[in-house]
Amino acid sequence: MEWLWTIAELLVLVALILTLGLPLAVIIVAFRRRCSHISADDAHPIFEDPNSLKQVPSPSIFDPAEKYISLIIPAYNEEHRLPGALSETMNYLQQRAAKDKSFSYEVVIVDDGSVDGTKRVAFGFVRRYTIENVRVILLGRNHGKGEAIRRGMLHSRGELLLMLDADGATKINDLEKLENQIRREAKNELKLRDGVDSGSVSRISDIPIVAFGSRAHLEEKALATRKWYRNFLMKGFHAVVLLTAGRGIRDTQLHKTTKHQCGFKMFTRAAARKLFSNIRLKRWCFDVELVYLCKHFGIRMIEISVNWSEIPGSKVNPLSIPNMLWELCLVSIGYRTYMWKIST
């Protein structure tokens, strides 16, 4: 029986270490990230033109816009899925630019430390479409989807900024749904503010608005066809949000907004400037922090149904749950203890 007591004592010791150690680890990491959104890594990257071999300094989200729309695509080991999605995207953008001479665009590909041929594929599109229209940011090592998007947003030139996944899961022409709704909302806001109907794109971009692509209308079908572990992750993620998120994060609006959204989101420049200069989560749960920051700033959030389909090769897997739990604990502790200050 003595060995049973030894095992019991070891289990109690492990339980104590976990009980005391995990909260302490969360607090330490949250403290270390209090200024991570303004780290030295945010120094402006230099875009290299593979055609002329000249270096092009990157802009800042705080600079005046130079393009109508920027598309930010985070890519981690997307050598096989990126070419098809990018080709479809560029075809759409070129056709629209040919019809509307006032339409200008850029695509910013953020290579999040890929170890396959993603960099080669990305620079191939720069050579084909020129650095004026396609640019690549190399992060060097893998940081996470949230950090890749943040870096891309901070160095984009658009009046409107769209984040989308590298797999092409959402039809690119659905950006018009988000764009049109943002323009309507902004014009209504301008009418209330100025008492006039302004069609100025530059003024519309100054109204903080975020449009989330939603797949709520596809949820019933998706549950029946999606891989079992992705349904499990989705349900688990929603449960974890409700259990761990702090006050202001754990509410019906956030749960509803994060439940059905996909990686297809559009921001006015004013909204992107406020949100991505503050966001700290680096991986999957940055969506939760985005919604929290929107609520903090009073930024209008709208959900719009988009055409979405599951593409093989997803980076989400059952091992993502511990990371999601970890990040939700970080965001809860960070904002609850006021370690994470929000700059205006």
Protein backbone atom coordinates (compact mmCIF):
# COMPACT_ATOMS: atom_id res chain seq x y z
CA MET A 1 0.00 0.00 0.00
CA GLU A 2 2.96 2.28 0.50
CA TRP A 3 3.43 2.68 -3.24
CA LEU A 4 -0.17 3.86 -3.56
CA TRP A 5 0.51 6.62 -1.05
CA THR A 6 3.64 7.58 -2.99
CA ILE A 7 1.64 7.86 -6.22
CA ALA A 8 -1.06 9.85 -4.44
CA GLU A 9 1.53 12.24 -3.03
CA LEU A 10 3.05 12.71 -6.49
CA LEU A 11 -0.37 13.42 -7.99
CA VAL A 12 -1.09 15.98 -5.28
CA LEU A 13 2.30 17.60 -5.92
CA VAL A 14 1.64 17.77 -9.66
CA ALA A 15 -1.82 19.22 -9.01
CA LEU A 16 -0.33 21.90 -6.74
CA ILE A 17 2.32 22.78 -9.31
CA LEU A 18 -0.30 23.10 -12.04
CA THR A 19 -2.66 25.04 -9.80
CA LEU A 20 0.00 27.54 -8.77
CA GLY A 21 2.31 27.40 -11.77
CA LEU A 22 -0.11 27.92 -14.65
CA PRO A 23 -1.71 31.12 -13.30
CA LEU A 24 1.75 32.46 -12.50
CA ALA A 25 2.94 31.62 -16.03
CA VAL A 26 -0.09 33.38 -17.53
CA ILE A 27 0.56 36.49 -15.44
CA ILE A 28 4.25 36.56 -16.38
CA VAL A 29 3.59 36.17 -20.11
CA ALA A 30 0.75 38.71 -20.02
CA PHE A 31 3.11 41.17 -18.31
CA ARG A 32 5.80 40.56 -20.93
CA ARG A 33 3.28 41.21 -23.70
CA ARG A 34 2.10 44.51 -22.28
CA CYS A 35 4.24 46.34 -24.85
CA SER A 36 4.55 43.61 -27.49
CA HIS A 37 2.30 45.58 -29.86
CA ILE A 38 5.02 48.24 -30.12
CA SER A 39 8.06 45.97 -30.18
CA ALA A 40 11.28 46.57 -32.06
CA ASP A 41 10.13 43.97 -34.59
CA ASP A 42 7.62 46.55 -35.84
CA ALA A 43 10.37 48.55 -37.55
CA HIS A 44 9.24 49.22 -41.09
CA PRO A 45 10.15 46.29 -43.33
CA ILE A 46 11.89 46.92 -46.62
CA PHE A 47 10.07 45.55 -49.64
CA GLU A 48 12.42 44.21 -52.29
CA ASP A 49 11.45 44.48 -55.94
CA PRO A 50 12.60 41.21 -57.56
CA ASN A 51 12.39 42.83 -61.01
CA SER A 52 14.66 45.83 -60.41
CA LEU A 53 16.36 44.53 -57.22
CA LYS A 54 15.65 47.94 -55.68
CA GLN A 55 14.38 48.29 -52.13
CA VAL A 56 11.08 50.05 -51.48
CA PRO A 57 10.44 51.40 -47.97
CA SER A 58 7.09 50.34 -46.57
CA PRO A 59 4.33 52.73 -45.49
CA SER A 60 2.66 52.94 -42.11
CA ILE A 61 -1.01 52.63 -41.21
CA PHE A 62 -0.62 56.14 -39.76
CA ASP A 63 0.35 57.56 -43.16
CA PRO A 64 -2.28 58.87 -45.59
CA ALA A 65 -3.75 56.14 -47.79
CA GLU A 66 -2.33 55.66 -51.27
CA LYS A 67 -4.62 52.89 -52.53
CA TYR A 68 -8.35 52.28 -52.45
CA ILE A 69 -8.06 48.79 -50.97
CA SER A 70 -5.38 46.58 -49.45
CA LEU A 71 -5.73 42.81 -49.22
CA ILE A 72 -3.67 41.23 -46.43
CA ILE A 73 -2.98 37.50 -46.76
CA PRO A 74 -1.15 35.65 -43.96
CA ALA A 75 0.67 32.59 -45.27
CA TYR A 76 2.39 29.80 -43.38
CA ASN A 77 3.55 26.84 -45.46
CA GLU A 78 1.01 27.63 -48.18
CA GLU A 79 3.11 26.62 -51.18
CA HIS A 80 0.31 24.49 -52.62
CA ARG A 81 -2.85 26.45 -51.74
CA LEU A 82 -1.57 29.99 -52.28
CA PRO A 83 -1.12 29.93 -56.10
CA GLY A 84 -4.75 29.11 -56.87
CA ALA A 85 -6.19 31.57 -54.35
CA LEU A 86 -3.84 34.36 -55.44
CA SER A 87 -4.50 33.81 -59.13
CA GLU A 88 -8.25 34.09 -58.56
CA THR A 89 -7.74 37.19 -56.43
CA MET A 90 -5.49 38.94 -58.94
CA ASN A 91 -7.84 38.15 -61.83
CA TYR A 92 -10.72 39.74 -59.94
CA LEU A 93 -8.71 42.83 -58.98
CA GLN A 94 -7.38 43.37 -62.49
CA GLN A 95 -10.81 43.02 -64.06
CA ARG A 96 -12.29 45.48 -61.62
CA ALA A 97 -9.44 47.96 -62.15
CA ALA A 98 -9.95 47.71 -65.92
CA LYS A 99 -13.64 48.63 -65.53
CA ASP A 100 -13.09 51.36 -62.94
CA LYS A 101 -10.03 53.57 -63.42
CA SER A 102 -10.42 54.99 -59.91
CA PHE A 103 -10.04 51.53 -58.38
CA SER A 104 -6.52 50.95 -57.05
CA TYR A 105 -5.33 48.02 -54.99
CA GLU A 106 -2.45 46.19 -53.40
CA VAL A 107 -2.01 42.65 -52.12
CA VAL A 108 0.25 42.23 -49.09
CA ILE A 109 1.40 38.65 -48.51
CA VAL A 110 2.85 38.06 -45.04
CA ASP A 111 5.07 34.97 -44.99
CA ASP A 112 4.87 33.83 -41.37
CA GLY A 113 8.16 31.94 -41.24
CA SER A 114 7.27 29.31 -43.83
CA VAL A 115 9.74 26.46 -44.37
CA ASP A 116 8.38 25.35 -47.75
CA GLY A 117 8.19 27.23 -51.06
CA THR A 118 5.72 29.91 -49.94
CA LYS A 119 8.31 32.69 -50.28
CA ARG A 120 9.15 31.60 -53.83
CA VAL A 121 5.47 31.50 -54.80
CA ALA A 122 4.81 34.93 -53.28
CA PHE A 123 7.73 36.62 -55.03
CA GLY A 124 6.64 34.97 -58.27
CA PHE A 125 3.44 37.03 -58.06
CA VAL A 126 5.46 40.18 -57.32
CA ARG A 127 7.47 39.59 -60.50
CA ARG A 128 4.32 39.04 -62.51
CA TYR A 129 2.19 41.91 -61.17
CA THR A 130 4.94 44.36 -60.01
CA ILE A 131 5.74 45.56 -56.52
CA GLU A 132 3.26 48.41 -56.89
CA ASN A 133 0.43 45.87 -56.71
CA VAL A 134 1.87 42.91 -54.79
CA ARG A 135 4.23 43.09 -51.83
CA VAL A 136 5.71 40.48 -49.50
CA ILE A 137 6.59 40.81 -45.82
CA LEU A 138 8.92 38.11 -44.47
CA LEU A 139 8.64 37.54 -40.72
CA GLY A 140 11.65 35.22 -40.54
CA ARG A 141 10.13 32.87 -37.98
CA ASN A 142 6.62 31.67 -37.24
CA HIS A 143 4.70 34.06 -34.99
CA GLY A 144 1.09 33.06 -35.65
CA LYS A 145 -1.79 34.15 -37.85
CA GLY A 146 -2.78 37.06 -35.63
CA GLU A 147 0.71 38.55 -35.67
CA ALA A 148 1.07 38.07 -39.43
CA ILE A 149 -2.18 39.94 -40.04
CA ARG A 150 -1.19 42.68 -37.60
CA ARG A 151 2.11 43.26 -39.41
CA GLY A 152 0.39 43.34 -42.78
CA MET A 153 -2.23 45.80 -41.58
CA LEU A 154 0.35 48.13 -40.04
CA HIS A 155 2.20 48.41 -43.37
CA SER A 156 -0.68 48.69 -45.85
CA ARG A 157 -1.75 51.63 -47.99
CA GLY A 158 -5.48 51.11 -48.47
CA GLU A 159 -8.50 53.22 -47.57
CA LEU A 160 -10.15 49.88 -46.91
CA LEU A 161 -8.22 46.87 -45.63
CA LEU A 162 -9.37 43.29 -46.14
CA MET A 163 -7.86 40.28 -44.40
CA LEU A 164 -8.42 36.94 -46.08
CA ASP A 165 -7.01 33.45 -45.80
CA ALA A 166 -4.45 32.00 -48.18
CA ASP A 167 -6.66 29.03 -49.05
CA GLY A 168 -9.31 30.99 -50.94
CA ALA A 169 -12.10 29.54 -48.78
CA THR A 170 -14.21 32.68 -49.30
CA LYS A 171 -15.03 33.87 -52.81
CA ILE A 172 -13.02 37.01 -53.47
CA ASN A 173 -15.89 38.91 -55.11
CA ASP A 174 -17.72 38.75 -51.78
CA LEU A 175 -15.51 41.62 -50.70
CA GLU A 176 -18.03 43.83 -52.51
CA LYS A 177 -20.69 42.81 -49.98
CA LEU A 178 -18.51 44.00 -47.11
CA GLU A 179 -17.35 47.08 -49.03
CA ASN A 180 -20.87 48.20 -49.96
CA GLN A 181 -22.19 47.75 -46.43
CA ILE A 182 -19.29 49.71 -44.96
CA ARG A 183 -19.90 52.52 -47.44
CA ARG A 184 -23.61 52.63 -46.56
CA GLU A 185 -22.90 52.68 -42.83
CA ALA A 186 -20.22 55.35 -43.22
CA LYS A 187 -22.44 57.57 -45.37
CA ASN A 188 -25.21 57.35 -42.79
CA GLU A 189 -22.72 58.31 -40.10
CA LEU A 190 -21.52 61.26 -42.16
CA LYS A 191 -25.09 62.43 -42.69
CA LEU A 192 -25.67 62.44 -38.95
CA ARG A 193 -22.35 64.13 -38.29
CA ASP A 194 -22.33 66.76 -41.02
CA GLY A 195 -25.91 66.92 -42.18
CA VAL A 196 -24.77 66.31 -45.76
CA ASP A 197 -24.52 63.32 -48.05
CA SER A 198 -20.83 62.87 -48.75
CA GLY A 199 -19.63 60.34 -51.30
CA SER A 200 -15.96 60.97 -50.56
CA VAL A 201 -14.08 57.70 -50.17
CA SER A 202 -11.37 59.40 -48.13
CA ARG A 203 -13.95 60.64 -45.65
CA ILE A 204 -15.65 57.26 -45.50
CA SER A 205 -12.33 55.67 -44.58
CA ASP A 206 -12.13 58.00 -41.58
CA ILE A 207 -15.23 56.42 -40.02
CA PRO A 208 -14.19 53.41 -37.87
CA ILE A 209 -16.21 50.41 -39.10
CA VAL A 210 -15.47 46.68 -39.24
CA ALA A 211 -17.33 44.16 -41.42
CA PHE A 212 -17.06 40.48 -40.50
CA GLY A 213 -17.69 37.83 -43.11
CA SER A 214 -20.16 35.37 -41.59
CA ARG A 215 -20.92 31.75 -42.42
CA ALA A 216 -23.88 31.47 -40.05
CA HIS A 217 -26.21 30.73 -42.96
CA LEU A 218 -23.99 27.75 -43.85
CA GLU A 219 -23.60 26.39 -40.33
CA GLU A 220 -26.15 23.57 -40.50
CA LYS A 221 -24.68 22.22 -43.72
CA ALA A 222 -21.13 22.74 -42.45
CA LEU A 223 -21.79 20.74 -39.29
CA ALA A 224 -22.89 17.83 -41.44
CA THR A 225 -19.93 17.94 -43.85
CA ARG A 226 -17.04 19.40 -41.85
CA LYS A 227 -14.45 17.06 -40.37
CA TRP A 228 -15.37 15.88 -36.88
CA TYR A 229 -12.38 17.46 -35.16
CA ARG A 230 -13.16 20.88 -36.66
CA ASN A 231 -16.69 20.71 -35.25
CA PHE A 232 -15.18 19.66 -31.93
CA LEU A 233 -12.72 22.56 -32.03
CA MET A 234 -15.47 25.03 -32.91
CA LYS A 235 -17.68 23.92 -30.02
CA GLY A 236 -14.70 23.74 -27.68
CA PHE A 237 -13.54 27.21 -28.66
CA HIS A 238 -16.95 28.75 -27.96
CA ALA A 239 -17.10 27.00 -24.59
CA VAL A 240 -13.61 28.19 -23.69
CA VAL A 241 -14.51 31.77 -24.64
CA LEU A 242 -17.47 31.71 -22.28
CA LEU A 243 -15.50 30.09 -19.45
CA THR A 244 -12.26 32.06 -19.53
CA ALA A 245 -12.95 35.46 -21.06
CA GLY A 246 -13.12 38.42 -18.76
CA ARG A 247 -15.78 41.02 -18.21
CA GLY A 248 -16.46 42.87 -21.44
CA ILE A 249 -15.23 39.89 -23.41
CA ARG A 250 -17.68 37.28 -22.17
CA ASP A 251 -20.98 38.56 -23.51
CA THR A 252 -23.64 37.59 -26.01
CA GLN A 253 -22.52 39.99 -28.72
CA LEU A 254 -18.93 38.78 -28.72
CA HIS A 255 -19.97 35.13 -28.59
CA LYS A 256 -22.36 35.63 -31.48
CA THR A 257 -19.83 37.63 -33.50
CA THR A 258 -16.93 35.19 -33.07
CA LYS A 259 -19.07 32.08 -33.41
CA HIS A 260 -19.78 32.26 -37.13
CA GLN A 261 -17.10 34.56 -38.51
CA CYS A 262 -14.43 33.36 -40.91
CA GLY A 263 -11.07 34.76 -41.95
CA PHE A 264 -12.67 37.38 -44.21
CA LYS A 265 -12.86 40.77 -42.51
CA MET A 266 -12.78 44.33 -43.79
CA PHE A 267 -11.71 47.44 -41.90
CA THR A 268 -11.77 51.11 -42.69
CA ARG A 269 -8.34 52.68 -42.30
CA ALA A 270 -9.48 54.48 -39.16
CA ALA A 271 -10.63 51.20 -37.57
CA ALA A 272 -7.47 49.31 -38.56
CA ARG A 273 -5.30 52.07 -37.14
CA LYS A 274 -6.93 51.80 -33.71
CA LEU A 275 -7.24 48.02 -33.59
CA PHE A 276 -3.94 46.76 -34.96
CA SER A 277 -1.82 49.24 -33.04
CA ASN A 278 -3.21 47.66 -29.86
CA ILE A 279 -3.71 43.96 -30.53
CA ARG A 280 -1.40 41.59 -28.65
CA LEU A 281 -2.60 38.03 -29.27
CA LYS A 282 -0.51 36.39 -31.96
CA ARG A 283 -2.35 33.23 -32.96
CA TRP A 284 -5.88 31.89 -33.40
CA CYS A 285 -7.67 33.87 -30.68
CA PHE A 286 -6.80 37.31 -32.00
CA ASP A 287 -10.41 37.43 -33.32
CA VAL A 288 -11.66 37.58 -29.74
CA GLU A 289 -9.35 40.45 -28.90
CA LEU A 290 -10.39 42.28 -32.07
CA VAL A 291 -14.03 42.20 -31.02
CA TYR A 292 -13.13 43.26 -27.48
CA LEU A 293 -11.18 46.24 -28.82
CA CYS A 294 -14.04 47.15 -31.15
CA LYS A 295 -16.36 47.26 -28.15
CA HIS A 296 -13.84 49.32 -26.17
CA PHE A 297 -13.49 51.93 -28.93
CA GLY A 298 -17.17 51.86 -29.85
CA ILE A 299 -16.32 50.76 -33.39
CA ARG A 300 -19.36 49.63 -35.32
CA MET A 301 -19.32 45.91 -36.16
CA ILE A 302 -21.46 44.43 -38.90
CA GLU A 303 -21.85 40.79 -39.96
CA ILE A 304 -22.39 39.92 -43.60
CA SER A 305 -23.05 36.49 -45.07
CA VAL A 306 -20.35 35.29 -47.47
CA ASN A 307 -19.81 32.21 -49.60
CA TRP A 308 -17.41 29.98 -47.71
CA SER A 309 -16.23 26.42 -48.27
CA GLU A 310 -13.79 24.22 -46.39
CA ILE A 311 -10.50 23.76 -48.24
CA PRO A 312 -8.26 20.75 -47.47
CA GLY A 313 -4.98 21.54 -45.74
CA SER A 314 -6.23 23.54 -42.75
CA LYS A 315 -3.64 24.39 -40.08
CA VAL A 316 -6.30 23.99 -37.36
CA ASN A 317 -6.06 20.66 -35.52
CA PRO A 318 -6.96 19.19 -32.11
CA LEU A 319 -3.66 20.44 -30.68
CA SER A 320 -4.90 24.00 -31.25
CA ILE A 321 -7.25 23.81 -28.24
CA PRO A 322 -4.51 24.24 -25.57
CA ASN A 323 -3.14 27.25 -27.45
CA MET A 324 -6.63 28.78 -27.69
CA LEU A 325 -7.14 28.28 -23.96
CA TRP A 326 -3.73 29.82 -23.25
CA GLU A 327 -4.41 32.91 -25.36
CA LEU A 328 -7.88 33.43 -23.89
CA CYS A 329 -6.35 33.30 -20.41
CA LEU A 330 -3.76 35.86 -21.52
CA VAL A 331 -6.33 38.28 -22.91
CA SER A 332 -8.51 37.89 -19.82
CA ILE A 333 -5.66 38.52 -17.37
CA GLY A 334 -4.11 41.24 -19.52
CA TYR A 335 -7.21 43.42 -19.65
CA ARG A 336 -8.66 42.51 -16.25
CA THR A 337 -5.50 43.57 -14.44
CA TYR A 338 -4.99 46.60 -16.71
CA MET A 339 -1.52 45.35 -17.62
CA TRP A 340 -2.54 45.74 -21.24
CA LYS A 341 -3.07 49.44 -21.78
CA ILE A 342 -5.11 50.51 -24.80
CA SER A 343 -3.65 53.47 -26.66
CA THR A 344 -5.97 55.83 -28.46
